[in-house]
PDB file of all heavy atoms in Angstrom:
ATOM      1  N   THR A   1      -3.389   2.579  -0.971  1.00  0.00           N
ATOM      2  CA  THR A   1      -4.205   1.465  -0.487  1.00  0.00           C
ATOM      3  C   THR A   1      -5.673   1.873  -0.380  1.00  0.00           C
ATOM      4  O   THR A   1      -6.570   1.134  -0.814  1.00  0.00           O
ATOM      5  CB  THR A   1      -3.692   0.983   0.886  1.00  0.00           C
ATOM      6  OG1 THR A   1      -2.347   0.500   0.744  1.00  0.00           O
ATOM      7  CG2 THR A   1      -4.566  -0.139   1.440  1.00  0.00           C
ATOM      8  N   MET A   2      -5.906   3.059   0.182  1.00  0.00           N
ATOM      9  CA  MET A   2      -7.286   3.540   0.305  1.00  0.00           C
ATOM     10  C   MET A   2      -7.928   3.748  -1.067  1.00  0.00           C
ATOM     11  O   MET A   2      -9.101   3.438  -1.268  1.00  0.00           O
ATOM     12  CB  MET A   2      -7.312   4.838   1.109  1.00  0.00           C
ATOM     13  CG  MET A   2      -7.075   4.651   2.595  1.00  0.00           C
ATOM     14  SD  MET A   2      -7.392   6.158   3.569  1.00  0.00           S
ATOM     15  CE  MET A   2      -6.058   7.216   3.004  1.00  0.00           C
ATOM     16  N   ALA A   3      -7.129   4.245  -2.024  1.00  0.00           N
ATOM     17  CA  ALA A   3      -7.656   4.498  -3.371  1.00  0.00           C
ATOM     18  C   ALA A   3      -8.035   3.183  -4.056  1.00  0.00           C
ATOM     19  O   ALA A   3      -9.115   3.084  -4.664  1.00  0.00           O
ATOM     20  CB  ALA A   3      -6.615   5.242  -4.202  1.00  0.00           C
ATOM     21  N   PHE A   4      -7.169   2.177  -3.957  1.00  0.00           N
ATOM     22  CA  PHE A   4      -7.476   0.873  -4.560  1.00  0.00           C
ATOM     23  C   PHE A   4      -8.691   0.226  -3.900  1.00  0.00           C
ATOM     24  O   PHE A   4      -9.539  -0.366  -4.571  1.00  0.00           O
ATOM     25  CB  PHE A   4      -6.269  -0.060  -4.456  1.00  0.00           C
ATOM     26  CG  PHE A   4      -5.313   0.061  -5.616  1.00  0.00           C
ATOM     27  CD1 PHE A   4      -4.033   0.540  -5.430  1.00  0.00           C
ATOM     28  CD2 PHE A   4      -5.699  -0.316  -6.898  1.00  0.00           C
ATOM     29  CE1 PHE A   4      -3.149   0.668  -6.496  1.00  0.00           C
ATOM     30  CE2 PHE A   4      -4.836  -0.200  -7.965  1.00  0.00           C
ATOM     31  CZ  PHE A   4      -3.550   0.294  -7.762  1.00  0.00           C
ATOM     32  N   LYS A   5      -8.760   0.353  -2.581  1.00  0.00           N
ATOM     33  CA  LYS A   5      -9.899  -0.228  -1.856  1.00  0.00           C
ATOM     34  C   LYS A   5     -11.210   0.436  -2.290  1.00  0.00           C
ATOM     35  O   LYS A   5     -12.218  -0.240  -2.501  1.00  0.00           O
ATOM     36  CB  LYS A   5      -9.703  -0.081  -0.349  1.00  0.00           C
ATOM     37  CG  LYS A   5     -10.750  -0.826   0.484  1.00  0.00           C
ATOM     38  CD  LYS A   5     -10.447  -0.732   1.958  1.00  0.00           C
ATOM     39  CE  LYS A   5     -11.429  -1.557   2.779  1.00  0.00           C
ATOM     40  NZ  LYS A   5     -12.841  -1.226   2.520  1.00  0.00           N
ATOM     41  N   LYS A   6     -11.170   1.748  -2.470  1.00  0.00           N
ATOM     42  CA  LYS A   6     -12.359   2.486  -2.893  1.00  0.00           C
ATOM     43  C   LYS A   6     -12.792   2.041  -4.296  1.00  0.00           C
ATOM     44  O   LYS A   6     -13.975   1.828  -4.556  1.00  0.00           O
ATOM     45  CB  LYS A   6     -12.063   3.987  -2.878  1.00  0.00           C
ATOM     46  CG  LYS A   6     -13.274   4.874  -3.190  1.00  0.00           C
ATOM     47  CD  LYS A   6     -12.917   6.339  -2.975  1.00  0.00           C
ATOM     48  CE  LYS A   6     -14.126   7.254  -3.150  1.00  0.00           C
ATOM     49  NZ  LYS A   6     -14.616   7.297  -4.526  1.00  0.00           N
ATOM     50  N   MET A   7     -11.810   1.877  -5.192  1.00  0.00           N
ATOM     51  CA  MET A   7     -12.133   1.450  -6.556  1.00  0.00           C
ATOM     52  C   MET A   7     -12.710   0.033  -6.570  1.00  0.00           C
ATOM     53  O   MET A   7     -13.642  -0.257  -7.329  1.00  0.00           O
ATOM     54  CB  MET A   7     -10.892   1.537  -7.452  1.00  0.00           C
ATOM     55  CG  MET A   7     -10.492   2.965  -7.776  1.00  0.00           C
ATOM     56  SD  MET A   7      -9.159   3.081  -8.995  1.00  0.00           S
ATOM     57  CE  MET A   7      -7.748   2.517  -8.026  1.00  0.00           C
ATOM     58  N   ALA A   8     -12.140  -0.826  -5.732  1.00  0.00           N
ATOM     59  CA  ALA A   8     -12.655  -2.196  -5.658  1.00  0.00           C
ATOM     60  C   ALA A   8     -14.082  -2.200  -5.130  1.00  0.00           C
ATOM     61  O   ALA A   8     -14.953  -2.904  -5.664  1.00  0.00           O
ATOM     62  CB  ALA A   8     -11.751  -3.046  -4.764  1.00  0.00           C
ATOM     63  N   ASP A   9     -14.339  -1.399  -4.102  1.00  0.00           N
ATOM     64  CA  ASP A   9     -15.688  -1.320  -3.530  1.00  0.00           C
ATOM     65  C   ASP A   9     -16.690  -0.806  -4.565  1.00  0.00           C
ATOM     66  O   ASP A   9     -17.814  -1.313  -4.670  1.00  0.00           O
ATOM     67  CB  ASP A   9     -15.698  -0.408  -2.301  1.00  0.00           C
ATOM     68  CG  ASP A   9     -14.934  -1.001  -1.119  1.00  0.00           C
ATOM     69  OD1 ASP A   9     -14.693  -2.224  -1.131  1.00  0.00           O
ATOM     70  OD2 ASP A   9     -14.583  -0.232  -0.203  1.00  0.00           O
ATOM     71  N   GLU A  10     -16.286   0.196  -5.331  1.00  0.00           N
ATOM     72  CA  GLU A  10     -17.178   0.792  -6.320  1.00  0.00           C
ATOM     73  C   GLU A  10     -17.407  -0.106  -7.536  1.00  0.00           C
ATOM     74  O   GLU A  10     -18.376   0.067  -8.270  1.00  0.00           O
ATOM     75  CB  GLU A  10     -16.624   2.148  -6.768  1.00  0.00           C
ATOM     76  CG  GLU A  10     -16.668   3.212  -5.679  1.00  0.00           C
ATOM     77  CD  GLU A  10     -16.025   4.512  -6.107  1.00  0.00           C
ATOM     78  OE1 GLU A  10     -15.375   4.528  -7.175  1.00  0.00           O
ATOM     79  OE2 GLU A  10     -16.172   5.517  -5.372  1.00  0.00           O
ATOM     80  N   SER A  11     -16.490  -1.072  -7.746  1.00  0.00           N
ATOM     81  CA  SER A  11     -16.620  -1.970  -8.895  1.00  0.00           C
ATOM     82  C   SER A  11     -17.753  -2.980  -8.717  1.00  0.00           C
ATOM     83  O   SER A  11     -18.250  -3.555  -9.692  1.00  0.00           O
ATOM     84  CB  SER A  11     -15.311  -2.732  -9.125  1.00  0.00           C
ATOM     85  OG  SER A  11     -15.128  -3.743  -8.135  1.00  0.00           O
ATOM     86  N   GLY A  12     -18.151  -3.228  -7.459  1.00  0.00           N
ATOM     87  CA  GLY A  12     -19.182  -4.224  -7.174  1.00  0.00           C
ATOM     88  C   GLY A  12     -18.632  -5.633  -7.081  1.00  0.00           C
ATOM     89  O   GLY A  12     -19.370  -6.575  -6.781  1.00  0.00           O
ATOM     90  N   GLU A  13     -17.322  -5.791  -7.332  1.00  0.00           N
ATOM     91  CA  GLU A  13     -16.681  -7.105  -7.224  1.00  0.00           C
ATOM     92  C   GLU A  13     -16.004  -7.212  -5.858  1.00  0.00           C
ATOM     93  O   GLU A  13     -15.724  -6.198  -5.211  1.00  0.00           O
ATOM     94  CB  GLU A  13     -15.626  -7.288  -8.317  1.00  0.00           C
ATOM     95  CG  GLU A  13     -16.150  -7.235  -9.741  1.00  0.00           C
ATOM     96  CD  GLU A  13     -15.037  -7.405 -10.751  1.00  0.00           C
ATOM     97  OE1 GLU A  13     -14.256  -6.462 -10.931  1.00  0.00           O
ATOM     98  OE2 GLU A  13     -14.953  -8.489 -11.366  1.00  0.00           O
ATOM     99  N   ASN A  14     -15.725  -8.454  -5.439  1.00  0.00           N
ATOM    100  CA  ASN A  14     -14.907  -8.573  -4.234  1.00  0.00           C
ATOM    101  C   ASN A  14     -13.475  -8.203  -4.612  1.00  0.00           C
ATOM    102  O   ASN A  14     -13.124  -8.118  -5.795  1.00  0.00           O
ATOM    103  CB  ASN A  14     -15.001  -9.980  -3.615  1.00  0.00           C
ATOM    104  CG  ASN A  14     -14.410 -11.061  -4.502  1.00  0.00           C
ATOM    105  OD1 ASN A  14     -13.304 -10.938  -5.007  1.00  0.00           O
ATOM    106  ND2 ASN A  14     -15.145 -12.155  -4.681  1.00  0.00           N
ATOM    107  N   GLN A  15     -12.637  -7.986  -3.617  1.00  0.00           N
ATOM    108  CA  GLN A  15     -11.290  -7.469  -3.866  1.00  0.00           C
ATOM    109  C   GLN A  15     -10.489  -8.352  -4.822  1.00  0.00           C
ATOM    110  O   GLN A  15      -9.848  -7.857  -5.760  1.00  0.00           O
ATOM    111  CB  GLN A  15     -10.528  -7.320  -2.549  1.00  0.00           C
ATOM    112  CG  GLN A  15     -10.820  -6.042  -1.806  1.00  0.00           C
ATOM    113  CD  GLN A  15      -9.846  -5.820  -0.662  1.00  0.00           C
ATOM    114  OE1 GLN A  15      -8.813  -6.492  -0.545  1.00  0.00           O
ATOM    115  NE2 GLN A  15     -10.165  -4.863   0.194  1.00  0.00           N
ATOM    116  N   ASN A  16     -10.515  -9.659  -4.593  1.00  0.00           N
ATOM    117  CA  ASN A  16      -9.717 -10.548  -5.426  1.00  0.00           C
ATOM    118  C   ASN A  16     -10.167 -10.521  -6.874  1.00  0.00           C
ATOM    119  O   ASN A  16      -9.342 -10.437  -7.800  1.00  0.00           O
ATOM    120  CB  ASN A  16      -9.769 -11.986  -4.881  1.00  0.00           C
ATOM    121  CG  ASN A  16      -9.100 -12.109  -3.522  1.00  0.00           C
ATOM    122  OD1 ASN A  16      -8.207 -11.327  -3.176  1.00  0.00           O
ATOM    123  ND2 ASN A  16      -9.536 -13.083  -2.732  1.00  0.00           N
ATOM    124  N   ASP A  17     -11.479 -10.588  -7.099  1.00  0.00           N
ATOM    125  CA  ASP A  17     -11.989 -10.555  -8.470  1.00  0.00           C
ATOM    126  C   ASP A  17     -11.654  -9.230  -9.146  1.00  0.00           C
ATOM    127  O   ASP A  17     -11.345  -9.186 -10.343  1.00  0.00           O
ATOM    128  CB  ASP A  17     -13.506 -10.776  -8.483  1.00  0.00           C
ATOM    129  CG  ASP A  17     -13.893 -12.212  -8.161  1.00  0.00           C
ATOM    130  OD1 ASP A  17     -13.014 -13.091  -8.283  1.00  0.00           O
ATOM    131  OD2 ASP A  17     -15.049 -12.447  -7.755  1.00  0.00           O
ATOM    132  N   TYR A  18     -11.717  -8.156  -8.377  1.00  0.00           N
ATOM    133  CA  TYR A  18     -11.362  -6.849  -8.930  1.00  0.00           C
ATOM    134  C   TYR A  18      -9.896  -6.838  -9.369  1.00  0.00           C
ATOM    135  O   TYR A  18      -9.563  -6.361 -10.465  1.00  0.00           O
ATOM    136  CB  TYR A  18     -11.606  -5.747  -7.908  1.00  0.00           C
ATOM    137  CG  TYR A  18     -11.084  -4.399  -8.341  1.00  0.00           C
ATOM    138  CD1 TYR A  18     -11.761  -3.652  -9.295  1.00  0.00           C
ATOM    139  CD2 TYR A  18      -9.900  -3.892  -7.794  1.00  0.00           C
ATOM    140  CE1 TYR A  18     -11.269  -2.420  -9.713  1.00  0.00           C
ATOM    141  CE2 TYR A  18      -9.405  -2.658  -8.208  1.00  0.00           C
ATOM    142  CZ  TYR A  18     -10.093  -1.936  -9.160  1.00  0.00           C
ATOM    143  OH  TYR A  18      -9.597  -0.718  -9.573  1.00  0.00           O
ATOM    144  N   LEU A  19      -9.004  -7.365  -8.525  1.00  0.00           N
ATOM    145  CA  LEU A  19      -7.579  -7.393  -8.851  1.00  0.00           C
ATOM    146  C   LEU A  19      -7.307  -8.288 -10.050  1.00  0.00           C
ATOM    147  O   LEU A  19      -6.487  -7.953 -10.916  1.00  0.00           O
ATOM    148  CB  LEU A  19      -6.769  -7.855  -7.636  1.00  0.00           C
ATOM    149  CG  LEU A  19      -6.785  -6.921  -6.426  1.00  0.00           C
ATOM    150  CD1 LEU A  19      -5.962  -7.511  -5.285  1.00  0.00           C
ATOM    151  CD2 LEU A  19      -6.257  -5.535  -6.794  1.00  0.00           C
ATOM    152  N   PHE A  20      -7.994  -9.420 -10.128  1.00  0.00           N
ATOM    153  CA  PHE A  20      -7.819 -10.314 -11.275  1.00  0.00           C
ATOM    154  C   PHE A  20      -8.291  -9.641 -12.563  1.00  0.00           C
ATOM    155  O   PHE A  20      -7.650  -9.765 -13.619  1.00  0.00           O
ATOM    156  CB  PHE A  20      -8.574 -11.625 -11.059  1.00  0.00           C
ATOM    157  CG  PHE A  20      -8.056 -12.458  -9.915  1.00  0.00           C
ATOM    158  CD1 PHE A  20      -8.881 -13.378  -9.270  1.00  0.00           C
ATOM    159  CD2 PHE A  20      -6.753 -12.326  -9.465  1.00  0.00           C
ATOM    160  CE1 PHE A  20      -8.407 -14.148  -8.212  1.00  0.00           C
ATOM    161  CE2 PHE A  20      -6.273 -13.083  -8.410  1.00  0.00           C
ATOM    162  CZ  PHE A  20      -7.104 -13.998  -7.779  1.00  0.00           C
ATOM    163  N   SER A  21      -9.406  -8.924 -12.481  1.00  0.00           N
ATOM    164  CA  SER A  21      -9.912  -8.202 -13.655  1.00  0.00           C
ATOM    165  C   SER A  21      -8.921  -7.125 -14.087  1.00  0.00           C
ATOM    166  O   SER A  21      -8.690  -6.913 -15.283  1.00  0.00           O
ATOM    167  CB  SER A  21     -11.265  -7.551 -13.343  1.00  0.00           C
ATOM    168  OG  SER A  21     -12.242  -8.522 -13.052  1.00  0.00           O
ATOM    169  N   LEU A  22      -8.328  -6.468 -13.105  1.00  0.00           N
ATOM    170  CA  LEU A  22      -7.345  -5.426 -13.380  1.00  0.00           C
ATOM    171  C   LEU A  22      -6.117  -6.002 -14.074  1.00  0.00           C
ATOM    172  O   LEU A  22      -5.630  -5.456 -15.077  1.00  0.00           O
ATOM    173  CB  LEU A  22      -6.944  -4.748 -12.069  1.00  0.00           C
ATOM    174  CG  LEU A  22      -6.101  -3.480 -12.144  1.00  0.00           C
ATOM    175  CD1 LEU A  22      -6.846  -2.377 -12.889  1.00  0.00           C
ATOM    176  CD2 LEU A  22      -5.732  -3.008 -10.734  1.00  0.00           C
ATOM    177  N   LEU A  23      -5.633  -7.135 -13.578  1.00  0.00           N
ATOM    178  CA  LEU A  23      -4.474  -7.777 -14.181  1.00  0.00           C
ATOM    179  C   LEU A  23      -4.773  -8.275 -15.597  1.00  0.00           C
ATOM    180  O   LEU A  23      -3.931  -8.166 -16.490  1.00  0.00           O
ATOM    181  CB  LEU A  23      -4.000  -8.947 -13.304  1.00  0.00           C
ATOM    182  CG  LEU A  23      -3.270  -8.581 -12.013  1.00  0.00           C
ATOM    183  CD1 LEU A  23      -2.956  -9.828 -11.208  1.00  0.00           C
ATOM    184  CD2 LEU A  23      -1.986  -7.811 -12.318  1.00  0.00           C
ATOM    185  N   GLU A  24      -5.974  -8.804 -15.800  1.00  0.00           N
ATOM    186  CA  GLU A  24      -6.347  -9.268 -17.129  1.00  0.00           C
ATOM    187  C   GLU A  24      -6.430  -8.093 -18.105  1.00  0.00           C
ATOM    188  O   GLU A  24      -6.009  -8.204 -19.268  1.00  0.00           O
ATOM    189  CB  GLU A  24      -7.689  -9.996 -17.083  1.00  0.00           C
ATOM    190  CG  GLU A  24      -8.088 -10.597 -18.419  1.00  0.00           C
ATOM    191  CD  GLU A  24      -9.370 -11.419 -18.351  1.00  0.00           C
ATOM    192  OE1 GLU A  24     -10.003 -11.446 -17.269  1.00  0.00           O
ATOM    193  OE2 GLU A  24      -9.733 -12.028 -19.371  1.00  0.00           O
ATOM    194  N   MET A  25      -6.936  -6.972 -17.645  1.00  0.00           N
ATOM    195  CA  MET A  25      -7.035  -5.788 -18.486  1.00  0.00           C
ATOM    196  C   MET A  25      -5.640  -5.266 -18.863  1.00  0.00           C
ATOM    197  O   MET A  25      -5.396  -4.873 -20.007  1.00  0.00           O
ATOM    198  CB  MET A  25      -7.806  -4.691 -17.758  1.00  0.00           C
ATOM    199  CG  MET A  25      -7.996  -3.419 -18.559  1.00  0.00           C
ATOM    200  SD  MET A  25      -8.967  -2.171 -17.656  1.00  0.00           S
ATOM    201  CE  MET A  25      -7.825  -1.776 -16.312  1.00  0.00           C
ATOM    202  N   ILE A  26      -4.714  -5.318 -17.922  1.00  0.00           N
ATOM    203  CA  ILE A  26      -3.359  -4.812 -18.159  1.00  0.00           C
ATOM    204  C   ILE A  26      -2.550  -5.735 -19.060  1.00  0.00           C
ATOM    205  O   ILE A  26      -1.846  -5.280 -19.962  1.00  0.00           O
ATOM    206  CB  ILE A  26      -2.623  -4.614 -16.816  1.00  0.00           C
ATOM    207  CG1 ILE A  26      -3.272  -3.486 -16.010  1.00  0.00           C
ATOM    208  CG2 ILE A  26      -1.143  -4.306 -17.035  1.00  0.00           C
ATOM    209  CD1 ILE A  26      -2.762  -3.375 -14.586  1.00  0.00           C
ATOM    210  N   THR A  27      -2.665  -7.037 -18.815  1.00  0.00           N
ATOM    211  CA  THR A  27      -1.802  -7.997 -19.513  1.00  0.00           C
ATOM    212  C   THR A  27      -2.470  -8.724 -20.681  1.00  0.00           C
ATOM    213  O   THR A  27      -1.786  -9.313 -21.509  1.00  0.00           O
ATOM    214  CB  THR A  27      -1.291  -9.065 -18.530  1.00  0.00           C
ATOM    215  OG1 THR A  27      -2.403  -9.857 -18.057  1.00  0.00           O
ATOM    216  CG2 THR A  27      -0.606  -8.421 -17.331  1.00  0.00           C
ATOM    217  N   GLY A  28      -3.806  -8.690 -20.715  1.00  0.00           N
ATOM    218  CA  GLY A  28      -4.515  -9.431 -21.755  1.00  0.00           C
ATOM    219  C   GLY A  28      -4.577 -10.920 -21.470  1.00  0.00           C
ATOM    220  O   GLY A  28      -5.013 -11.714 -22.300  1.00  0.00           O
ATOM    221  N   LYS A  29      -4.176 -11.297 -20.271  1.00  0.00           N
ATOM    222  CA  LYS A  29      -4.147 -12.713 -19.889  1.00  0.00           C
ATOM    223  C   LYS A  29      -4.858 -12.883 -18.549  1.00  0.00           C
ATOM    224  O   LYS A  29      -4.572 -12.168 -17.589  1.00  0.00           O
ATOM    225  CB  LYS A  29      -2.698 -13.184 -19.782  1.00  0.00           C
ATOM    226  CG  LYS A  29      -2.535 -14.617 -19.314  1.00  0.00           C
ATOM    227  CD  LYS A  29      -1.056 -14.924 -19.118  1.00  0.00           C
ATOM    228  CE  LYS A  29      -0.842 -16.289 -18.493  1.00  0.00           C
ATOM    229  NZ  LYS A  29       0.594 -16.550 -18.190  1.00  0.00           N
ATOM    230  N   LYS A  30      -5.774 -13.828 -18.491  1.00  0.00           N
ATOM    231  CA  LYS A  30      -6.510 -14.062 -17.258  1.00  0.00           C
ATOM    232  C   LYS A  30      -5.651 -14.819 -16.247  1.00  0.00           C
ATOM    233  O   LYS A  30      -5.064 -15.850 -16.581  1.00  0.00           O
ATOM    234  CB  LYS A  30      -7.783 -14.866 -17.554  1.00  0.00           C
ATOM    235  CG  LYS A  30      -8.724 -14.997 -16.379  1.00  0.00           C
ATOM    236  CD  LYS A  30     -10.037 -15.640 -16.812  1.00  0.00           C
ATOM    237  CE  LYS A  30     -11.028 -15.697 -15.655  1.00  0.00           C
ATOM    238  NZ  LYS A  30     -12.340 -16.246 -16.067  1.00  0.00           N
ATOM    239  N   PRO A  31      -5.574 -14.333 -15.023  1.00  0.00           N
ATOM    240  CA  PRO A  31      -4.791 -15.037 -14.002  1.00  0.00           C
ATOM    241  C   PRO A  31      -5.370 -16.420 -13.698  1.00  0.00           C
ATOM    242  O   PRO A  31      -6.595 -16.588 -13.652  1.00  0.00           O
ATOM    243  CB  PRO A  31      -4.898 -14.121 -12.773  1.00  0.00           C
ATOM    244  CG  PRO A  31      -5.252 -12.785 -13.318  1.00  0.00           C
ATOM    245  CD  PRO A  31      -6.114 -13.063 -14.520  1.00  0.00           C
ATOM    246  N   GLY A  32      -4.491 -17.385 -13.493  1.00  0.00           N
ATOM    247  CA  GLY A  32      -4.919 -18.731 -13.136  1.00  0.00           C
ATOM    248  C   GLY A  32      -4.758 -18.974 -11.642  1.00  0.00           C
ATOM    249  O   GLY A  32      -4.308 -18.093 -10.899  1.00  0.00           O
ATOM    250  N   THR A  33      -5.103 -20.162 -11.218  1.00  0.00           N
ATOM    251  CA  THR A  33      -5.023 -20.489  -9.786  1.00  0.00           C
ATOM    252  C   THR A  33      -3.586 -20.488  -9.266  1.00  0.00           C
ATOM    253  O   THR A  33      -3.368 -20.364  -8.055  1.00  0.00           O
ATOM    254  CB  THR A  33      -5.641 -21.875  -9.515  1.00  0.00           C
ATOM    255  OG1 THR A  33      -4.980 -22.854 -10.338  1.00  0.00           O
ATOM    256  CG2 THR A  33      -7.128 -21.869  -9.837  1.00  0.00           C
TER     257      THR A  33
END
């Protein structure tokens, strides 16, 4: 949890946007609402 939080903080994005970017990078599909 601390490692993910640190990476999100360093990305300059808020946590949710960081996680969505991560999922899009992994799956090639952008998360929807």
